[in-house]
PDB file of all heavy atoms in Angstrom:
ATOM      1  N   ILE A   1      20.298  98.231 121.463  1.00  0.00           N
ATOM      2  CA  ILE A   1      19.958  98.610 120.089  1.00  0.00           C
ATOM      3  C   ILE A   1      18.596  99.297 120.042  1.00  0.00           C
ATOM      4  O   ILE A   1      18.417 100.313 119.369  1.00  0.00           O
ATOM      5  CB  ILE A   1      19.990  97.370 119.174  1.00  0.00           C
ATOM      6  CG1 ILE A   1      21.426  96.876 119.044  1.00  0.00           C
ATOM      7  CG2 ILE A   1      19.393  97.675 117.813  1.00  0.00           C
ATOM      8  CD1 ILE A   1      21.579  95.528 118.408  1.00  0.00           C
ATOM      9  N   ALA A   2      17.620  98.768 120.774  1.00  0.00           N
ATOM     10  CA  ALA A   2      16.260  99.325 120.748  1.00  0.00           C
ATOM     11  C   ALA A   2      16.199 100.731 121.337  1.00  0.00           C
ATOM     12  O   ALA A   2      15.351 101.530 120.938  1.00  0.00           O
ATOM     13  CB  ALA A   2      15.309  98.405 121.497  1.00  0.00           C
ATOM     14  N   LEU A   3      17.087 101.047 122.273  1.00  0.00           N
ATOM     15  CA  LEU A   3      17.046 102.356 122.921  1.00  0.00           C
ATOM     16  C   LEU A   3      17.870 103.419 122.194  1.00  0.00           C
ATOM     17  O   LEU A   3      17.868 104.576 122.605  1.00  0.00           O
ATOM     18  CB  LEU A   3      17.528 102.234 124.373  1.00  0.00           C
ATOM     19  CG  LEU A   3      16.611 101.429 125.288  1.00  0.00           C
ATOM     20  CD1 LEU A   3      17.229 101.286 126.670  1.00  0.00           C
ATOM     21  CD2 LEU A   3      15.234 102.060 125.385  1.00  0.00           C
ATOM     22  N   LEU A   4      18.546 103.030 121.111  1.00  0.00           N
ATOM     23  CA  LEU A   4      19.262 104.030 120.318  1.00  0.00           C
ATOM     24  C   LEU A   4      18.259 105.008 119.715  1.00  0.00           C
ATOM     25  O   LEU A   4      17.144 104.630 119.377  1.00  0.00           O
ATOM     26  CB  LEU A   4      20.048 103.352 119.192  1.00  0.00           C
ATOM     27  CG  LEU A   4      21.279 102.566 119.594  1.00  0.00           C
ATOM     28  CD1 LEU A   4      21.837 101.826 118.386  1.00  0.00           C
ATOM     29  CD2 LEU A   4      22.341 103.460 120.198  1.00  0.00           C
ATOM     30  N   PRO A   5      18.669 106.267 119.539  1.00  0.00           N
ATOM     31  CA  PRO A   5      17.749 107.231 118.928  1.00  0.00           C
ATOM     32  C   PRO A   5      17.367 106.789 117.517  1.00  0.00           C
ATOM     33  O   PRO A   5      18.195 106.296 116.764  1.00  0.00           O
ATOM     34  CB  PRO A   5      18.560 108.533 118.884  1.00  0.00           C
ATOM     35  CG  PRO A   5      19.697 108.329 119.813  1.00  0.00           C
ATOM     36  CD  PRO A   5      19.930 106.864 119.921  1.00  0.00           C
ATOM     37  N   LYS A   6      16.104 106.976 117.192  1.00  0.00           N
ATOM     38  CA  LYS A   6      15.586 106.566 115.890  1.00  0.00           C
ATOM     39  C   LYS A   6      15.784 107.665 114.864  1.00  0.00           C
ATOM     40  O   LYS A   6      15.690 108.841 115.167  1.00  0.00           O
ATOM     41  CB  LYS A   6      14.088 106.253 115.989  1.00  0.00           C
ATOM     42  CG  LYS A   6      13.728 105.196 117.009  1.00  0.00           C
ATOM     43  CD  LYS A   6      14.080 103.822 116.528  1.00  0.00           C
ATOM     44  CE  LYS A   6      13.558 102.777 117.476  1.00  0.00           C
ATOM     45  NZ  LYS A   6      14.546 101.912 118.001  1.00  0.00           N
ATOM     46  N   ASP A   7      16.053 107.260 113.639  1.00  0.00           N
ATOM     47  CA  ASP A   7      16.103 108.182 112.511  1.00  0.00           C
ATOM     48  C   ASP A   7      14.654 108.553 112.189  1.00  0.00           C
ATOM     49  O   ASP A   7      13.802 107.671 112.084  1.00  0.00           O
ATOM     50  CB  ASP A   7      16.761 107.482 111.318  1.00  0.00           C
ATOM     51  CG  ASP A   7      16.968 108.385 110.120  1.00  0.00           C
ATOM     52  OD1 ASP A   7      16.218 109.370 109.985  1.00  0.00           O
ATOM     53  OD2 ASP A   7      17.865 108.099 109.320  1.00  0.00           O
ATOM     54  N   PRO A   8      14.323 109.823 112.028  1.00  0.00           N
ATOM     55  CA  PRO A   8      12.936 110.199 111.758  1.00  0.00           C
ATOM     56  C   PRO A   8      12.392 109.638 110.448  1.00  0.00           C
ATOM     57  O   PRO A   8      11.187 109.562 110.254  1.00  0.00           O
ATOM     58  CB  PRO A   8      12.952 111.728 111.730  1.00  0.00           C
ATOM     59  CG  PRO A   8      14.372 112.132 111.699  1.00  0.00           C
ATOM     60  CD  PRO A   8      15.205 110.973 112.132  1.00  0.00           C
ATOM     61  N   ASN A   9      13.267 109.217 109.553  1.00  0.00           N
ATOM     62  CA  ASN A   9      12.828 108.680 108.270  1.00  0.00           C
ATOM     63  C   ASN A   9      12.665 107.161 108.280  1.00  0.00           C
ATOM     64  O   ASN A   9      12.261 106.585 107.271  1.00  0.00           O
ATOM     65  CB  ASN A   9      13.826 109.058 107.166  1.00  0.00           C
ATOM     66  CG  ASN A   9      13.876 110.539 106.936  1.00  0.00           C
ATOM     67  OD1 ASN A   9      12.856 111.212 106.970  1.00  0.00           O
ATOM     68  ND2 ASN A   9      15.065 111.066 106.726  1.00  0.00           N
ATOM     69  N   ASP A  10      12.998 106.498 109.361  1.00  0.00           N
ATOM     70  CA  ASP A  10      13.017 105.030 109.398  1.00  0.00           C
ATOM     71  C   ASP A  10      11.702 104.376 109.003  1.00  0.00           C
ATOM     72  O   ASP A  10      11.702 103.282 108.456  1.00  0.00           O
ATOM     73  CB  ASP A  10      13.422 104.529 110.783  1.00  0.00           C
ATOM     74  CG  ASP A  10      14.928 104.510 110.970  1.00  0.00           C
ATOM     75  OD1 ASP A  10      15.655 104.734 109.978  1.00  0.00           O
ATOM     76  OD2 ASP A  10      15.373 104.274 112.104  1.00  0.00           O
ATOM     77  N   ASP A  11      10.591 105.011 109.256  1.00  0.00           N
ATOM     78  CA  ASP A  11       9.300 104.373 108.966  1.00  0.00           C
ATOM     79  C   ASP A  11       8.740 104.754 107.592  1.00  0.00           C
ATOM     80  O   ASP A  11       7.614 104.415 107.267  1.00  0.00           O
ATOM     81  CB  ASP A  11       8.284 104.702 110.058  1.00  0.00           C
ATOM     82  CG  ASP A  11       8.010 106.188 110.175  1.00  0.00           C
ATOM     83  OD1 ASP A  11       8.828 106.976 109.697  1.00  0.00           O
ATOM     84  OD2 ASP A  11       6.965 106.545 110.749  1.00  0.00           O
ATOM     85  N   LYS A  12       9.540 105.410 106.768  1.00  0.00           N
ATOM     86  CA  LYS A  12       9.057 105.846 105.451  1.00  0.00           C
ATOM     87  C   LYS A  12       9.301 104.785 104.387  1.00  0.00           C
ATOM     88  O   LYS A  12      10.144 103.916 104.532  1.00  0.00           O
ATOM     89  CB  LYS A  12       9.742 107.150 105.059  1.00  0.00           C
ATOM     90  CG  LYS A  12       9.393 108.253 106.047  1.00  0.00           C
ATOM     91  CD  LYS A  12       9.649 109.591 105.508  1.00  0.00           C
ATOM     92  CE  LYS A  12       9.089 110.566 106.529  1.00  0.00           C
ATOM     93  NZ  LYS A  12       9.440 111.875 106.344  1.00  0.00           N
ATOM     94  N   ASN A  13       8.527 104.886 103.305  1.00  0.00           N
ATOM     95  CA  ASN A  13       8.699 104.019 102.146  1.00  0.00           C
ATOM     96  C   ASN A  13       9.844 104.552 101.290  1.00  0.00           C
ATOM     97  O   ASN A  13      10.262 105.690 101.453  1.00  0.00           O
ATOM     98  CB  ASN A  13       7.410 103.979 101.324  1.00  0.00           C
ATOM     99  CG  ASN A  13       6.257 103.434 102.123  1.00  0.00           C
ATOM    100  OD1 ASN A  13       6.426 102.607 103.002  1.00  0.00           O
ATOM    101  ND2 ASN A  13       5.056 103.892 101.823  1.00  0.00           N
ATOM    102  N   ILE A  14      10.316 103.729 100.341  1.00  0.00           N
ATOM    103  CA  ILE A  14      11.432 104.158  99.505  1.00  0.00           C
ATOM    104  C   ILE A  14      11.165 103.871  98.035  1.00  0.00           C
ATOM    105  O   ILE A  14      10.289 103.074  97.695  1.00  0.00           O
ATOM    106  CB  ILE A  14      12.754 103.467  99.898  1.00  0.00           C
ATOM    107  CG1 ILE A  14      12.670 101.961  99.628  1.00  0.00           C
ATOM    108  CG2 ILE A  14      13.129 103.758 101.323  1.00  0.00           C
ATOM    109  CD1 ILE A  14      14.016 101.293  99.553  1.00  0.00           C
ATOM    110  N   TYR A  15      11.934 104.533  97.194  1.00  0.00           N
ATOM    111  CA  TYR A  15      12.018 104.215  95.773  1.00  0.00           C
ATOM    112  C   TYR A  15      13.437 103.731  95.525  1.00  0.00           C
ATOM    113  O   TYR A  15      14.404 104.411  95.877  1.00  0.00           O
ATOM    114  CB  TYR A  15      11.720 105.441  94.898  1.00  0.00           C
ATOM    115  CG  TYR A  15      10.254 105.774  94.832  1.00  0.00           C
ATOM    116  CD1 TYR A  15       9.689 106.703  95.700  1.00  0.00           C
ATOM    117  CD2 TYR A  15       9.436 105.142  93.911  1.00  0.00           C
ATOM    118  CE1 TYR A  15       8.346 106.997  95.644  1.00  0.00           C
ATOM    119  CE2 TYR A  15       8.082 105.438  93.847  1.00  0.00           C
ATOM    120  CZ  TYR A  15       7.545 106.359  94.726  1.00  0.00           C
ATOM    121  OH  TYR A  15       6.209 106.648  94.666  1.00  0.00           O
ATOM    122  N   LEU A  16      13.550 102.565  94.921  1.00  0.00           N
ATOM    123  CA  LEU A  16      14.836 101.972  94.608  1.00  0.00           C
ATOM    124  C   LEU A  16      15.055 102.053  93.108  1.00  0.00           C
ATOM    125  O   LEU A  16      14.192 101.647  92.342  1.00  0.00           O
ATOM    126  CB  LEU A  16      14.844 100.502  95.063  1.00  0.00           C
ATOM    127  CG  LEU A  16      16.021  99.642  94.664  1.00  0.00           C
ATOM    128  CD1 LEU A  16      17.241 100.026  95.483  1.00  0.00           C
ATOM    129  CD2 LEU A  16      15.679  98.181  94.889  1.00  0.00           C
ATOM    130  N   GLU A  17      16.200 102.606  92.694  1.00  0.00           N
ATOM    131  CA  GLU A  17      16.543 102.688  91.277  1.00  0.00           C
ATOM    132  C   GLU A  17      17.750 101.808  91.007  1.00  0.00           C
ATOM    133  O   GLU A  17      18.696 101.799  91.792  1.00  0.00           O
ATOM    134  CB  GLU A  17      16.901 104.117  90.873  1.00  0.00           C
ATOM    135  CG  GLU A  17      15.747 105.061  90.834  1.00  0.00           C
ATOM    136  CD  GLU A  17      16.149 106.436  90.301  1.00  0.00           C
ATOM    137  OE1 GLU A  17      17.282 106.597  89.787  1.00  0.00           O
ATOM    138  OE2 GLU A  17      15.327 107.350  90.415  1.00  0.00           O
ATOM    139  N   ILE A  18      17.684 101.082  89.905  1.00  0.00           N
ATOM    140  CA  ILE A  18      18.833 100.293  89.472  1.00  0.00           C
ATOM    141  C   ILE A  18      19.144 100.715  88.044  1.00  0.00           C
ATOM    142  O   ILE A  18      18.289 100.648  87.166  1.00  0.00           O
ATOM    143  CB  ILE A  18      18.553  98.780  89.536  1.00  0.00           C
ATOM    144  CG1 ILE A  18      18.247  98.368  90.984  1.00  0.00           C
ATOM    145  CG2 ILE A  18      19.723  97.984  88.970  1.00  0.00           C
ATOM    146  CD1 ILE A  18      17.865  96.921  91.154  1.00  0.00           C
ATOM    147  N   ARG A  19      20.388 101.142  87.852  1.00  0.00           N
ATOM    148  CA  ARG A  19      20.879 101.548  86.534  1.00  0.00           C
ATOM    149  C   ARG A  19      22.226 100.870  86.337  1.00  0.00           C
ATOM    150  O   ARG A  19      23.076 100.929  87.217  1.00  0.00           O
ATOM    151  CB  ARG A  19      21.087 103.058  86.458  1.00  0.00           C
ATOM    152  CG  ARG A  19      19.843 103.867  86.668  1.00  0.00           C
ATOM    153  CD  ARG A  19      20.224 105.352  86.768  1.00  0.00           C
ATOM    154  NE  ARG A  19      19.097 106.140  87.190  1.00  0.00           N
ATOM    155  CZ  ARG A  19      18.382 106.908  86.360  1.00  0.00           C
ATOM    156  NH1 ARG A  19      18.705 106.978  85.097  1.00  0.00           N
ATOM    157  NH2 ARG A  19      17.368 107.597  86.815  1.00  0.00           N
ATOM    158  N   PRO A  20      22.438 100.276  85.183  1.00  0.00           N
ATOM    159  CA  PRO A  20      23.748  99.649  84.958  1.00  0.00           C
ATOM    160  C   PRO A  20      24.829 100.707  84.768  1.00  0.00           C
ATOM    161  O   PRO A  20      24.586 101.771  84.235  1.00  0.00           O
ATOM    162  CB  PRO A  20      23.542  98.826  83.695  1.00  0.00           C
ATOM    163  CG  PRO A  20      22.399  99.452  83.007  1.00  0.00           C
ATOM    164  CD  PRO A  20      21.528 100.058  84.076  1.00  0.00           C
ATOM    165  N   ALA A  21      26.015 100.375  85.206  1.00  0.00           N
ATOM    166  CA  ALA A  21      27.156 101.272  85.030  1.00  0.00           C
ATOM    167  C   ALA A  21      27.913 100.847  83.780  1.00  0.00           C
ATOM    168  O   ALA A  21      27.381 100.121  82.950  1.00  0.00           O
ATOM    169  CB  ALA A  21      28.051 101.189  86.262  1.00  0.00           C
ATOM    170  N   ALA A  22      29.148 101.265  83.679  1.00  0.00           N
ATOM    171  CA  ALA A  22      29.968 100.869  82.532  1.00  0.00           C
ATOM    172  C   ALA A  22      30.114  99.354  82.540  1.00  0.00           C
ATOM    173  O   ALA A  22      30.223  98.725  83.586  1.00  0.00           O
ATOM    174  CB  ALA A  22      31.336 101.527  82.619  1.00  0.00           C
ATOM    175  N   GLY A  23      30.063  98.762  81.393  1.00  0.00           N
ATOM    176  CA  GLY A  23      30.195  97.314  81.323  1.00  0.00           C
ATOM    177  C   GLY A  23      29.249  96.701  80.323  1.00  0.00           C
ATOM    178  O   GLY A  23      29.216  95.492  80.143  1.00  0.00           O
ATOM    179  N   GLY A  24      28.412  97.513  79.735  1.00  0.00           N
ATOM    180  CA  GLY A  24      27.532  97.042  78.682  1.00  0.00           C
ATOM    181  C   GLY A  24      26.515  96.020  79.143  1.00  0.00           C
ATOM    182  O   GLY A  24      25.871  96.182  80.187  1.00  0.00           O
ATOM    183  N   ASP A  25      26.375  94.948  78.319  1.00  0.00           N
ATOM    184  CA  ASP A  25      25.352  93.938  78.597  1.00  0.00           C
ATOM    185  C   ASP A  25      25.590  93.211  79.918  1.00  0.00           C
ATOM    186  O   ASP A  25      24.640  92.873  80.619  1.00  0.00           O
ATOM    187  CB  ASP A  25      25.297  92.918  77.449  1.00  0.00           C
ATOM    188  CG  ASP A  25      24.724  93.524  76.177  1.00  0.00           C
ATOM    189  OD1 ASP A  25      24.007  94.544  76.284  1.00  0.00           O
ATOM    190  OD2 ASP A  25      24.992  92.974  75.091  1.00  0.00           O
ATOM    191  N   GLU A  26      26.832  92.981  80.267  1.00  0.00           N
ATOM    192  CA  GLU A  26      27.149  92.301  81.533  1.00  0.00           C
ATOM    193  C   GLU A  26      26.634  93.124  82.719  1.00  0.00           C
ATOM    194  O   GLU A  26      26.096  92.586  83.677  1.00  0.00           O
ATOM    195  CB  GLU A  26      28.656  92.089  81.666  1.00  0.00           C
ATOM    196  CG  GLU A  26      29.230  91.062  80.738  1.00  0.00           C
ATOM    197  CD  GLU A  26      28.725  89.655  81.032  1.00  0.00           C
ATOM    198  OE1 GLU A  26      28.533  89.315  82.207  1.00  0.00           O
ATOM    199  OE2 GLU A  26      28.507  88.912  80.062  1.00  0.00           O
ATOM    200  N   SER A  27      26.797  94.403  82.640  1.00  0.00           N
ATOM    201  CA  SER A  27      26.330  95.293  83.698  1.00  0.00           C
ATOM    202  C   SER A  27      24.810  95.257  83.803  1.00  0.00           C
ATOM    203  O   SER A  27      24.244  95.242  84.894  1.00  0.00           O
ATOM    204  CB  SER A  27      26.815  96.714  83.417  1.00  0.00           C
ATOM    205  OG  SER A  27      26.389  97.584  84.426  1.00  0.00           O
ATOM    206  N   GLY A  28      24.133  95.217  82.660  1.00  0.00           N
ATOM    207  CA  GLY A  28      22.674  95.130  82.649  1.00  0.00           C
ATOM    208  C   GLY A  28      22.175  93.812  83.214  1.00  0.00           C
ATOM    209  O   GLY A  28      21.166  93.765  83.925  1.00  0.00           O
ATOM    210  N   LEU A  29      22.882  92.716  82.916  1.00  0.00           N
ATOM    211  CA  LEU A  29      22.515  91.402  83.468  1.00  0.00           C
ATOM    212  C   LEU A  29      22.714  91.378  84.990  1.00  0.00           C
ATOM    213  O   LEU A  29      21.908  90.808  85.724  1.00  0.00           O
ATOM    214  CB  LEU A  29      23.332  90.294  82.801  1.00  0.00           C
ATOM    215  CG  LEU A  29      22.991  90.031  81.335  1.00  0.00           C
ATOM    216  CD1 LEU A  29      23.999  89.074  80.719  1.00  0.00           C
ATOM    217  CD2 LEU A  29      21.582  89.491  81.205  1.00  0.00           C
ATOM    218  N   PHE A  30      23.796  92.012  85.443  1.00  0.00           N
ATOM    219  CA  PHE A  30      24.016  92.113  86.884  1.00  0.00           C
ATOM    220  C   PHE A  30      22.900  92.929  87.540  1.00  0.00           C
ATOM    221  O   PHE A  30      22.410  92.593  88.623  1.00  0.00           O
ATOM    222  CB  PHE A  30      25.382  92.730  87.182  1.00  0.00           C
ATOM    223  CG  PHE A  30      25.662  92.858  88.649  1.00  0.00           C
ATOM    224  CD1 PHE A  30      25.889  91.745  89.433  1.00  0.00           C
ATOM    225  CD2 PHE A  30      25.689  94.115  89.256  1.00  0.00           C
ATOM    226  CE1 PHE A  30      26.136  91.868  90.795  1.00  0.00           C
ATOM    227  CE2 PHE A  30      25.932  94.241  90.619  1.00  0.00           C
ATOM    228  CZ  PHE A  30      26.163  93.115  91.387  1.00  0.00           C
ATOM    229  N   GLY A  31      22.474  94.009  86.878  1.00  0.00           N
ATOM    230  CA  GLY A  31      21.358  94.816  87.381  1.00  0.00           C
ATOM    231  C   GLY A  31      20.082  93.996  87.493  1.00  0.00           C
ATOM    232  O   GLY A  31      19.309  94.156  88.448  1.00  0.00           O
ATOM    233  N   ALA A  32      19.839  93.083  86.535  1.00  0.00           N
ATOM    234  CA  ALA A  32      18.661  92.214  86.591  1.00  0.00           C
ATOM    235  C   ALA A  32      18.740  91.283  87.797  1.00  0.00           C
ATOM    236  O   ALA A  32      17.732  91.030  88.470  1.00  0.00           O
ATOM    237  CB  ALA A  32      18.527  91.410  85.300  1.00  0.00           C
ATOM    238  N   GLU A  33      19.938  90.782  88.097  1.00  0.00           N
ATOM    239  CA  GLU A  33      20.124  89.925  89.274  1.00  0.00           C
ATOM    240  C   GLU A  33      19.892  90.716  90.565  1.00  0.00           C
ATOM    241  O   GLU A  33      19.297  90.220  91.520  1.00  0.00           O
ATOM    242  CB  GLU A  33      21.522  89.294  89.273  1.00  0.00           C
ATOM    243  CG  GLU A  33      21.750  88.288  88.173  1.00  0.00           C
ATOM    244  CD  GLU A  33      20.808  87.097  88.262  1.00  0.00           C
ATOM    245  OE1 GLU A  33      20.601  86.569  89.369  1.00  0.00           O
ATOM    246  OE2 GLU A  33      20.260  86.709  87.212  1.00  0.00           O
ATOM    247  N   LEU A  34      20.385  91.954  90.580  1.00  0.00           N
ATOM    248  CA  LEU A  34      20.137  92.816  91.742  1.00  0.00           C
ATOM    249  C   LEU A  34      18.645  93.044  91.945  1.00  0.00           C
ATOM    250  O   LEU A  34      18.145  93.015  93.083  1.00  0.00           O
ATOM    251  CB  LEU A  34      20.831  94.170  91.572  1.00  0.00           C
ATOM    252  CG  LEU A  34      22.309  94.238  91.872  1.00  0.00           C
ATOM    253  CD1 LEU A  34      22.836  95.640  91.556  1.00  0.00           C
ATOM    254  CD2 LEU A  34      22.608  93.875  93.294  1.00  0.00           C
ATOM    255  N   LEU A  35      17.936  93.280  90.864  1.00  0.00           N
ATOM    256  CA  LEU A  35      16.492  93.496  90.936  1.00  0.00           C
ATOM    257  C   LEU A  35      15.809  92.283  91.558  1.00  0.00           C
ATOM    258  O   LEU A  35      14.999  92.428  92.479  1.00  0.00           O
ATOM    259  CB  LEU A  35      15.921  93.796  89.560  1.00  0.00           C
ATOM    260  CG  LEU A  35      14.400  93.926  89.479  1.00  0.00           C
ATOM    261  CD1 LEU A  35      13.920  95.096  90.324  1.00  0.00           C
ATOM    262  CD2 LEU A  35      13.958  94.082  88.038  1.00  0.00           C
ATOM    263  N   LYS A  36      16.143  91.093  91.078  1.00  0.00           N
ATOM    264  CA  LYS A  36      15.550  89.865  91.639  1.00  0.00           C
ATOM    265  C   LYS A  36      15.860  89.743  93.128  1.00  0.00           C
ATOM    266  O   LYS A  36      15.000  89.391  93.928  1.00  0.00           O
ATOM    267  CB  LYS A  36      16.090  88.631  90.902  1.00  0.00           C
ATOM    268  CG  LYS A  36      15.586  88.461  89.504  1.00  0.00           C
ATOM    269  CD  LYS A  36      16.224  87.216  88.882  1.00  0.00           C
ATOM    270  CE  LYS A  36      16.069  87.202  87.390  1.00  0.00           C
ATOM    271  NZ  LYS A  36      16.836  86.101  86.778  1.00  0.00           N
ATOM    272  N   MET A  37      17.110  90.045  93.480  1.00  0.00           N
ATOM    273  CA  MET A  37      17.522  89.939  94.875  1.00  0.00           C
ATOM    274  C   MET A  37      16.736  90.903  95.765  1.00  0.00           C
ATOM    275  O   MET A  37      16.209  90.517  96.811  1.00  0.00           O
ATOM    276  CB  MET A  37      19.012  90.221  95.004  1.00  0.00           C
ATOM    277  CG  MET A  37      19.518  90.125  96.439  1.00  0.00           C
ATOM    278  SD  MET A  37      21.102  90.915  96.714  1.00  0.00           S
ATOM    279  CE  MET A  37      20.705  92.631  96.479  1.00  0.00           C
ATOM    280  N   TYR A  38      16.626  92.173  95.348  1.00  0.00           N
ATOM    281  CA  TYR A  38      15.918  93.157  96.167  1.00  0.00           C
ATOM    282  C   TYR A  38      14.420  92.849  96.258  1.00  0.00           C
ATOM    283  O   TYR A  38      13.807  93.046  97.309  1.00  0.00           O
ATOM    284  CB  TYR A  38      16.143  94.577  95.642  1.00  0.00           C
ATOM    285  CG  TYR A  38      17.478  95.147  96.053  1.00  0.00           C
ATOM    286  CD1 TYR A  38      18.392  95.577  95.110  1.00  0.00           C
ATOM    287  CD2 TYR A  38      17.827  95.257  97.389  1.00  0.00           C
ATOM    288  CE1 TYR A  38      19.617  96.103  95.481  1.00  0.00           C
ATOM    289  CE2 TYR A  38      19.042  95.775  97.776  1.00  0.00           C
ATOM    290  CZ  TYR A  38      19.937  96.200  96.822  1.00  0.00           C
ATOM    291  OH  TYR A  38      21.148  96.714  97.203  1.00  0.00           O
ATOM    292  N   LEU A  39      13.823  92.379  95.175  1.00  0.00           N
ATOM    293  CA  LEU A  39      12.408  92.010  95.215  1.00  0.00           C
ATOM    294  C   LEU A  39      12.181  90.849  96.179  1.00  0.00           C
ATOM    295  O   LEU A  39      11.242  90.868  96.984  1.00  0.00           O
ATOM    296  CB  LEU A  39      11.898  91.651  93.817  1.00  0.00           C
ATOM    297  CG  LEU A  39      11.809  92.790  92.799  1.00  0.00           C
ATOM    298  CD1 LEU A  39      11.407  92.252  91.432  1.00  0.00           C
ATOM    299  CD2 LEU A  39      10.856  93.867  93.257  1.00  0.00           C
ATOM    300  N   ALA A  40      13.049  89.836  96.118  1.00  0.00           N
ATOM    301  CA  ALA A  40      12.920  88.682  97.021  1.00  0.00           C
ATOM    302  C   ALA A  40      13.150  89.099  98.475  1.00  0.00           C
ATOM    303  O   ALA A  40      12.424  88.666  99.378  1.00  0.00           O
ATOM    304  CB  ALA A  40      13.909  87.588  96.619  1.00  0.00           C
ATOM    305  N   TYR A  41      14.143  89.959  98.701  1.00  0.00           N
ATOM    306  CA  TYR A  41      14.441  90.425 100.058  1.00  0.00           C
ATOM    307  C   TYR A  41      13.258  91.202 100.635  1.00  0.00           C
ATOM    308  O   TYR A  41      12.863  90.980 101.784  1.00  0.00           O
ATOM    309  CB  TYR A  41      15.694  91.297 100.050  1.00  0.00           C
ATOM    310  CG  TYR A  41      16.046  91.877 101.395  1.00  0.00           C
ATOM    311  CD1 TYR A  41      16.527  91.080 102.414  1.00  0.00           C
ATOM    312  CD2 TYR A  41      15.875  93.240 101.649  1.00  0.00           C
ATOM    313  CE1 TYR A  41      16.843  91.623 103.655  1.00  0.00           C
ATOM    314  CE2 TYR A  41      16.190  93.790 102.873  1.00  0.00           C
ATOM    315  CZ  TYR A  41      16.678  92.968 103.869  1.00  0.00           C
ATOM    316  OH  TYR A  41      16.970  93.504 105.100  1.00  0.00           O
ATOM    317  N   ALA A  42      12.707  92.098  99.846  1.00  0.00           N
ATOM    318  CA  ALA A  42      11.571  92.900 100.313  1.00  0.00           C
ATOM    319  C   ALA A  42      10.389  91.998 100.674  1.00  0.00           C
ATOM    320  O   ALA A  42       9.745  92.188 101.711  1.00  0.00           O
ATOM    321  CB  ALA A  42      11.166  93.924  99.262  1.00  0.00           C
ATOM    322  N   GLN A  43      10.104  91.011  99.836  1.00  0.00           N
ATOM    323  CA  GLN A  43       8.987  90.109 100.118  1.00  0.00           C
ATOM    324  C   GLN A  43       9.274  89.255 101.340  1.00  0.00           C
ATOM    325  O   GLN A  43       8.390  89.024 102.167  1.00  0.00           O
ATOM    326  CB  GLN A  43       8.692  89.233  98.904  1.00  0.00           C
ATOM    327  CG  GLN A  43       8.062  90.019  97.781  1.00  0.00           C
ATOM    328  CD  GLN A  43       7.910  89.215  96.498  1.00  0.00           C
ATOM    329  OE1 GLN A  43       8.585  88.221  96.300  1.00  0.00           O
ATOM    330  NE2 GLN A  43       7.013  89.668  95.641  1.00  0.00           N
ATOM    331  N   LYS A  44      10.503  88.791 101.477  1.00  0.00           N
ATOM    332  CA  LYS A  44      10.872  87.964 102.635  1.00  0.00           C
ATOM    333  C   LYS A  44      10.726  88.750 103.941  1.00  0.00           C
ATOM    334  O   LYS A  44      10.329  88.200 104.963  1.00  0.00           O
ATOM    335  CB  LYS A  44      12.309  87.467 102.484  1.00  0.00           C
ATOM    336  CG  LYS A  44      12.755  86.574 103.612  1.00  0.00           C
ATOM    337  CD  LYS A  44      14.176  86.111 103.430  1.00  0.00           C
ATOM    338  CE  LYS A  44      14.581  85.258 104.621  1.00  0.00           C
ATOM    339  NZ  LYS A  44      15.983  84.922 104.589  1.00  0.00           N
TER     340      LYS A  44
END
């Protein structure tokens, strides 16, 4: 795995966007859960 060719972008920072899809309030609540998950994952 370590000797596989590296993607030139691998060491760059990212912007993550979360937008709810069709589904109204339920979709927005799911987006809030995704936000919590990604924030916790990034910190971990």
